[in-house]
Amino acid sequence: MKKPIKFFIITVTLVLVGYNSVYFESLDVKNTAKNAGVFNSVEFVDQFMGAKLPNLPATDANELIGSLELDLVGFTAENGRKMGISNDYYFVVEGTGEVQAIEDEDVILSLIGNSKNKIRIATDFIFGNTIREATAIANIGDFQNTMDFNAISVALNDKVRTTIVPSFSKEVNIKDTVYFKGGVKVNTKNPTLKNLRVIPLILNIE
């Protein structure tokens, strides 16, 4: 085969391959496809708060404290949730208490049914993974990356700070009776059972 003809055939082939390999799409289509795969942590949390929170199982606060005092290691291992290798265990807890003190970052309740048991309700300095882990709202294996998984904790904490705590903090007074449901972290190496701090998901002044 003569060289000019050979080069012509090769050139035509490359042009055809290149043409079939390149395609154009509108920016709207590209953005739609991209957004379809984006995880929306705020929407995820809103759905949880609206649909699952009211019926979320919880351990009675007095029972939790009593069980932890009786068998800290055994009870946490059998009933708590934890992430990976850690001494931190998480629970969803609920109860009713009388307001004993209102501090800068917490409201302290004396639990109805056993006034010796005290619980701190967090009203500021709310961060970490307590709610996500306690509620089992998500498992890390269900997400393609840790960024999306961690975004759930951020969205949960923001929800508490912006929609649950403000109205409660404005209205609560000493001696008020408060129903609460939320997440609590127990560290088996430093349990501080007299000072458990609940990140609230529900707060009702009764």
C-alpha atoms as a PDB file:
ATOM      1  CA  MET A   1       0.000   0.000   0.000  1.00  0.00           C
ATOM      2  CA  LYS A   2       1.373   3.371  -1.003  1.00  0.00           C
ATOM      3  CA  LYS A   3       2.272   5.673   1.878  1.00  0.00           C
ATOM      4  CA  PRO A   4      -0.115   8.556   0.925  1.00  0.00           C
ATOM      5  CA  ILE A   5      -3.074   6.171   0.825  1.00  0.00           C
ATOM      6  CA  LYS A   6      -2.010   4.551   4.126  1.00  0.00           C
ATOM      7  CA  PHE A   7      -1.709   7.923   5.844  1.00  0.00           C
ATOM      8  CA  PHE A   8      -5.107   8.963   4.469  1.00  0.00           C
ATOM      9  CA  ILE A   9      -6.786   5.851   5.869  1.00  0.00           C
ATOM     10  CA  ILE A  10      -5.141   6.315   9.279  1.00  0.00           C
ATOM     11  CA  THR A  11      -6.180   9.968   9.377  1.00  0.00           C
ATOM     12  CA  VAL A  12      -9.808   9.202   8.490  1.00  0.00           C
ATOM     13  CA  THR A  13      -9.913   6.446  11.127  1.00  0.00           C
ATOM     14  CA  LEU A  14      -8.600   8.751  13.854  1.00  0.00           C
ATOM     15  CA  VAL A  15     -11.107  11.437  12.933  1.00  0.00           C
ATOM     16  CA  LEU A  16     -14.017   8.988  13.103  1.00  0.00           C
ATOM     17  CA  VAL A  17     -12.874   7.562  16.453  1.00  0.00           C
ATOM     18  CA  GLY A  18     -12.392  11.025  17.874  1.00  0.00           C
ATOM     19  CA  TYR A  19     -15.776  12.175  16.653  1.00  0.00           C
ATOM     20  CA  ASN A  20     -17.546   9.210  18.233  1.00  0.00           C
ATOM     21  CA  SER A  21     -15.657   9.707  21.525  1.00  0.00           C
ATOM     22  CA  VAL A  22     -16.641  13.331  21.997  1.00  0.00           C
ATOM     23  CA  TYR A  23     -20.170  14.433  22.775  1.00  0.00           C
ATOM     24  CA  PHE A  24     -21.778  17.619  23.979  1.00  0.00           C
ATOM     25  CA  GLU A  25     -24.495  18.122  26.582  1.00  0.00           C
ATOM     26  CA  SER A  26     -26.156  21.189  27.948  1.00  0.00           C
ATOM     27  CA  LEU A  27     -24.937  22.615  31.246  1.00  0.00           C
ATOM     28  CA  ASP A  28     -28.398  22.076  32.748  1.00  0.00           C
ATOM     29  CA  VAL A  29     -28.284  18.368  31.956  1.00  0.00           C
ATOM     30  CA  LYS A  30     -24.799  18.038  33.390  1.00  0.00           C
ATOM     31  CA  ASN A  31     -25.712  19.873  36.584  1.00  0.00           C
ATOM     32  CA  THR A  32     -28.892  17.828  37.001  1.00  0.00           C
ATOM     33  CA  ALA A  33     -26.958  14.588  36.711  1.00  0.00           C
ATOM     34  CA  LYS A  34     -24.371  15.860  39.168  1.00  0.00           C
ATOM     35  CA  ASN A  35     -26.927  17.052  41.712  1.00  0.00           C
ATOM     36  CA  ALA A  36     -28.814  13.756  41.496  1.00  0.00           C
ATOM     37  CA  GLY A  37     -25.874  12.072  43.187  1.00  0.00           C
ATOM     38  CA  VAL A  38     -25.312  14.710  45.885  1.00  0.00           C
ATOM     39  CA  PHE A  39     -26.265  13.696  49.421  1.00  0.00           C
ATOM     40  CA  ASN A  40     -28.428  16.277  51.192  1.00  0.00           C
ATOM     41  CA  SER A  41     -27.771  15.895  54.914  1.00  0.00           C
ATOM     42  CA  VAL A  42     -30.291  18.574  55.918  1.00  0.00           C
ATOM     43  CA  GLU A  43     -33.100  16.857  54.017  1.00  0.00           C
ATOM     44  CA  PHE A  44     -32.029  13.508  55.446  1.00  0.00           C
ATOM     45  CA  VAL A  45     -32.240  14.871  59.004  1.00  0.00           C
ATOM     46  CA  ASP A  46     -35.558  16.640  58.373  1.00  0.00           C
ATOM     47  CA  GLN A  47     -37.105  13.358  57.220  1.00  0.00           C
ATOM     48  CA  PHE A  48     -35.805  11.616  60.324  1.00  0.00           C
ATOM     49  CA  MET A  49     -37.096  14.304  62.679  1.00  0.00           C
ATOM     50  CA  GLY A  50     -40.517  14.316  61.066  1.00  0.00           C
ATOM     51  CA  ALA A  51     -41.149  10.629  60.497  1.00  0.00           C
ATOM     52  CA  LYS A  52     -39.057   8.585  62.935  1.00  0.00           C
ATOM     53  CA  LEU A  53     -38.328  10.716  65.980  1.00  0.00           C
ATOM     54  CA  PRO A  54     -41.777  10.597  67.651  1.00  0.00           C
ATOM     55  CA  ASN A  55     -41.705   6.787  67.844  1.00  0.00           C
ATOM     56  CA  LEU A  56     -37.974   6.407  68.427  1.00  0.00           C
ATOM     57  CA  PRO A  57     -37.383   3.845  71.214  1.00  0.00           C
ATOM     58  CA  ALA A  58     -35.714   5.278  74.303  1.00  0.00           C
ATOM     59  CA  THR A  59     -34.446   4.081  77.667  1.00  0.00           C
ATOM     60  CA  ASP A  60     -35.973   5.672  80.754  1.00  0.00           C
ATOM     61  CA  ALA A  61     -33.396   8.008  82.321  1.00  0.00           C
ATOM     62  CA  ASN A  62     -33.814   6.606  85.843  1.00  0.00           C
ATOM     63  CA  GLU A  63     -33.460   3.059  84.548  1.00  0.00           C
ATOM     64  CA  LEU A  64     -30.380   3.993  82.557  1.00  0.00           C
ATOM     65  CA  ILE A  65     -28.626   5.535  85.538  1.00  0.00           C
ATOM     66  CA  GLY A  66     -29.591   2.638  87.805  1.00  0.00           C
ATOM     67  CA  SER A  67     -28.364   0.050  85.299  1.00  0.00           C
ATOM     68  CA  LEU A  68     -25.097   1.876  84.743  1.00  0.00           C
ATOM     69  CA  GLU A  69     -24.478   2.099  88.484  1.00  0.00           C
ATOM     70  CA  LEU A  70     -25.203  -1.611  88.861  1.00  0.00           C
ATOM     71  CA  ASP A  71     -23.135  -2.932  85.943  1.00  0.00           C
ATOM     72  CA  LEU A  72     -21.487  -0.241  83.861  1.00  0.00           C
ATOM     73  CA  VAL A  73     -19.408  -2.454  81.566  1.00  0.00           C
ATOM     74  CA  GLY A  74     -21.987  -5.182  81.064  1.00  0.00           C
ATOM     75  CA  PHE A  75     -24.927  -2.857  80.469  1.00  0.00           C
ATOM     76  CA  THR A  76     -23.133  -0.606  78.001  1.00  0.00           C
ATOM     77  CA  ALA A  77     -21.764  -3.564  76.056  1.00  0.00           C
ATOM     78  CA  GLU A  78     -25.188  -5.197  75.794  1.00  0.00           C
ATOM     79  CA  ASN A  79     -27.405  -2.156  75.260  1.00  0.00           C
ATOM     80  CA  GLY A  80     -25.271   0.756  74.075  1.00  0.00           C
ATOM     81  CA  ARG A  81     -24.144   1.680  70.598  1.00  0.00           C
ATOM     82  CA  LYS A  82     -20.577   2.538  69.771  1.00  0.00           C
ATOM     83  CA  MET A  83     -18.525   3.291  66.700  1.00  0.00           C
ATOM     84  CA  GLY A  84     -15.394   1.244  66.149  1.00  0.00           C
ATOM     85  CA  ILE A  85     -12.954   0.672  68.981  1.00  0.00           C
ATOM     86  CA  SER A  86     -13.992   3.152  71.627  1.00  0.00           C
ATOM     87  CA  ASN A  87     -14.909   3.551  75.283  1.00  0.00           C
ATOM     88  CA  ASP A  88     -17.853   5.759  74.307  1.00  0.00           C
ATOM     89  CA  TYR A  89     -21.313   4.199  74.239  1.00  0.00           C
ATOM     90  CA  TYR A  90     -24.464   5.973  73.113  1.00  0.00           C
ATOM     91  CA  PHE A  91     -28.102   5.719  74.170  1.00  0.00           C
ATOM     92  CA  VAL A  92     -31.419   7.353  73.367  1.00  0.00           C
ATOM     93  CA  VAL A  93     -32.848   8.387  76.714  1.00  0.00           C
ATOM     94  CA  GLU A  94     -36.093   9.981  77.846  1.00  0.00           C
ATOM     95  CA  GLY A  95     -37.609  11.125  81.106  1.00  0.00           C
ATOM     96  CA  THR A  96     -39.257  13.891  83.066  1.00  0.00           C
ATOM     97  CA  GLY A  97     -37.546  16.135  85.549  1.00  0.00           C
ATOM     98  CA  GLU A  98     -37.866  19.300  87.582  1.00  0.00           C
ATOM     99  CA  VAL A  99     -35.581  22.190  86.709  1.00  0.00           C
ATOM    100  CA  GLN A 100     -33.043  22.734  89.489  1.00  0.00           C
ATOM    101  CA  ALA A 101     -30.653  25.146  87.778  1.00  0.00           C
ATOM    102  CA  ILE A 102     -30.268  27.059  84.531  1.00  0.00           C
ATOM    103  CA  GLU A 103     -26.622  27.430  83.522  1.00  0.00           C
ATOM    104  CA  ASP A 104     -24.895  28.947  80.505  1.00  0.00           C
ATOM    105  CA  GLU A 105     -24.611  25.640  78.622  1.00  0.00           C
ATOM    106  CA  ASP A 106     -27.027  23.308  80.418  1.00  0.00           C
ATOM    107  CA  VAL A 107     -30.320  23.070  82.258  1.00  0.00           C
ATOM    108  CA  ILE A 108     -30.085  20.721  85.230  1.00  0.00           C
ATOM    109  CA  LEU A 109     -33.050  18.482  85.985  1.00  0.00           C
ATOM    110  CA  SER A 110     -33.851  16.404  89.032  1.00  0.00           C
ATOM    111  CA  LEU A 111     -35.569  13.312  87.650  1.00  0.00           C
ATOM    112  CA  ILE A 112     -39.139  12.557  88.625  1.00  0.00           C
ATOM    113  CA  GLY A 113     -39.253   9.169  90.311  1.00  0.00           C
ATOM    114  CA  ASN A 114     -35.810   9.500  91.862  1.00  0.00           C
ATOM    115  CA  SER A 115     -34.864  13.058  92.729  1.00  0.00           C
ATOM    116  CA  LYS A 116     -31.285  12.015  93.529  1.00  0.00           C
ATOM    117  CA  ASN A 117     -30.717  11.369  89.837  1.00  0.00           C
ATOM    118  CA  LYS A 118     -29.704  14.474  87.922  1.00  0.00           C
ATOM    119  CA  ILE A 119     -29.549  15.019  84.170  1.00  0.00           C
ATOM    120  CA  ARG A 120     -28.031  17.891  82.248  1.00  0.00           C
ATOM    121  CA  ILE A 121     -29.931  19.082  79.172  1.00  0.00           C
ATOM    122  CA  ALA A 122     -27.526  20.683  76.711  1.00  0.00           C
ATOM    123  CA  THR A 123     -28.571  24.152  75.562  1.00  0.00           C
ATOM    124  CA  ASP A 124     -25.211  25.295  74.174  1.00  0.00           C
ATOM    125  CA  PHE A 125     -21.844  23.857  73.125  1.00  0.00           C
ATOM    126  CA  ILE A 126     -23.644  21.181  71.094  1.00  0.00           C
ATOM    127  CA  PHE A 127     -21.346  19.227  68.807  1.00  0.00           C
ATOM    128  CA  GLY A 128     -20.046  15.711  68.124  1.00  0.00           C
ATOM    129  CA  ASN A 129     -21.762  12.496  67.056  1.00  0.00           C
ATOM    130  CA  THR A 130     -23.927  11.718  70.080  1.00  0.00           C
ATOM    131  CA  ILE A 131     -27.307  12.002  68.361  1.00  0.00           C
ATOM    132  CA  ARG A 132     -26.231  10.238  65.183  1.00  0.00           C
ATOM    133  CA  GLU A 133     -24.772   7.291  67.058  1.00  0.00           C
ATOM    134  CA  ALA A 134     -27.469   7.038  69.726  1.00  0.00           C
ATOM    135  CA  THR A 135     -30.357   7.081  67.264  1.00  0.00           C
ATOM    136  CA  ALA A 136     -28.717   4.819  64.667  1.00  0.00           C
ATOM    137  CA  ILE A 137     -29.993   7.237  62.050  1.00  0.00           C
ATOM    138  CA  ALA A 138     -27.184   6.115  59.749  1.00  0.00           C
ATOM    139  CA  ASN A 139     -24.454   3.516  59.352  1.00  0.00           C
ATOM    140  CA  ILE A 140     -21.111   4.427  57.846  1.00  0.00           C
ATOM    141  CA  GLY A 141     -21.245   1.445  55.498  1.00  0.00           C
ATOM    142  CA  ASP A 142     -24.255   2.956  53.733  1.00  0.00           C
ATOM    143  CA  PHE A 143     -22.282   5.970  52.503  1.00  0.00           C
ATOM    144  CA  GLN A 144     -19.725   6.335  49.757  1.00  0.00           C
ATOM    145  CA  ASN A 145     -17.560   8.705  51.757  1.00  0.00           C
ATOM    146  CA  THR A 146     -17.057   9.812  55.354  1.00  0.00           C
ATOM    147  CA  MET A 147     -17.826  13.415  54.440  1.00  0.00           C
ATOM    148  CA  ASP A 148     -21.502  12.592  53.862  1.00  0.00           C
ATOM    149  CA  PHE A 149     -21.602  10.488  57.032  1.00  0.00           C
ATOM    150  CA  ASN A 150     -20.106  13.284  59.140  1.00  0.00           C
ATOM    151  CA  ALA A 151     -22.424  15.835  57.540  1.00  0.00           C
ATOM    152  CA  ILE A 152     -25.339  14.071  59.261  1.00  0.00           C
ATOM    153  CA  SER A 153     -23.952  14.931  62.702  1.00  0.00           C
ATOM    154  CA  VAL A 154     -23.454  18.540  61.654  1.00  0.00           C
ATOM    155  CA  ALA A 155     -27.034  18.772  60.376  1.00  0.00           C
ATOM    156  CA  LEU A 156     -28.434  17.110  63.513  1.00  0.00           C
ATOM    157  CA  ASN A 157     -26.544  19.446  65.833  1.00  0.00           C
ATOM    158  CA  ASP A 158     -27.590  22.475  63.786  1.00  0.00           C
ATOM    159  CA  LYS A 159     -31.203  21.334  64.003  1.00  0.00           C
ATOM    160  CA  VAL A 160     -31.001  21.113  67.784  1.00  0.00           C
ATOM    161  CA  ARG A 161     -29.342  24.523  68.094  1.00  0.00           C
ATOM    162  CA  THR A 162     -31.750  26.320  65.773  1.00  0.00           C
ATOM    163  CA  THR A 163     -35.155  24.671  66.269  1.00  0.00           C
ATOM    164  CA  ILE A 164     -35.217  22.842  69.613  1.00  0.00           C
ATOM    165  CA  VAL A 165     -33.103  24.789  72.090  1.00  0.00           C
ATOM    166  CA  PRO A 166     -34.028  28.474  71.426  1.00  0.00           C
ATOM    167  CA  SER A 167     -37.713  28.383  72.383  1.00  0.00           C
ATOM    168  CA  PHE A 168     -37.000  26.113  75.336  1.00  0.00           C
ATOM    169  CA  SER A 169     -34.267  28.388  76.679  1.00  0.00           C
ATOM    170  CA  LYS A 170     -36.567  31.401  76.449  1.00  0.00           C
ATOM    171  CA  GLU A 171     -39.446  29.797  78.318  1.00  0.00           C
ATOM    172  CA  VAL A 172     -37.857  27.489  80.894  1.00  0.00           C
ATOM    173  CA  ASN A 173     -37.806  28.503  84.564  1.00  0.00           C
ATOM    174  CA  ILE A 174     -36.675  27.031  87.861  1.00  0.00           C
ATOM    175  CA  LYS A 175     -39.135  24.405  89.179  1.00  0.00           C
ATOM    176  CA  ASP A 176     -40.637  23.788  85.737  1.00  0.00           C
ATOM    177  CA  THR A 177     -41.363  20.167  84.854  1.00  0.00           C
ATOM    178  CA  VAL A 178     -39.727  19.133  81.590  1.00  0.00           C
ATOM    179  CA  TYR A 179     -40.115  16.061  79.401  1.00  0.00           C
ATOM    180  CA  PHE A 180     -37.039  15.286  77.320  1.00  0.00           C
ATOM    181  CA  LYS A 181     -35.835  12.779  74.753  1.00  0.00           C
ATOM    182  CA  GLY A 182     -32.355  12.827  73.303  1.00  0.00           C
ATOM    183  CA  GLY A 183     -28.967  11.224  72.953  1.00  0.00           C
ATOM    184  CA  VAL A 184     -26.455  10.659  75.703  1.00  0.00           C
ATOM    185  CA  LYS A 185     -22.845   9.478  75.669  1.00  0.00           C
ATOM    186  CA  VAL A 186     -21.383   7.276  78.388  1.00  0.00           C
ATOM    187  CA  ASN A 187     -17.629   6.777  78.586  1.00  0.00           C
ATOM    188  CA  THR A 188     -16.812   3.553  80.416  1.00  0.00           C
ATOM    189  CA  LYS A 189     -13.389   4.864  81.465  1.00  0.00           C
ATOM    190  CA  ASN A 190     -14.806   8.118  82.834  1.00  0.00           C
ATOM    191  CA  PRO A 191     -18.553   7.556  83.243  1.00  0.00           C
ATOM    192  CA  THR A 192     -19.503  10.648  85.340  1.00  0.00           C
ATOM    193  CA  LEU A 193     -22.932   9.125  85.992  1.00  0.00           C
ATOM    194  CA  LYS A 194     -23.885  11.999  88.265  1.00  0.00           C
ATOM    195  CA  ASN A 195     -23.369  14.405  85.405  1.00  0.00           C
ATOM    196  CA  LEU A 196     -24.845  12.802  82.275  1.00  0.00           C
ATOM    197  CA  ARG A 197     -25.468  15.323  79.506  1.00  0.00           C
ATOM    198  CA  VAL A 198     -28.345  14.843  77.065  1.00  0.00           C
ATOM    199  CA  ILE A 199     -28.314  16.377  73.602  1.00  0.00           C
ATOM    200  CA  PRO A 200     -32.060  16.992  73.264  1.00  0.00           C
ATOM    201  CA  LEU A 201     -34.285  15.998  70.361  1.00  0.00           C
ATOM    202  CA  ILE A 202     -37.563  16.720  72.134  1.00  0.00           C
ATOM    203  CA  LEU A 203     -38.123  19.213  74.979  1.00  0.00           C
ATOM    204  CA  ASN A 204     -41.577  19.902  76.390  1.00  0.00           C
ATOM    205  CA  ILE A 205     -42.300  22.102  79.385  1.00  0.00           C
ATOM    206  CA  GLU A 206     -45.289  20.522  81.103  1.00  0.00           C
END
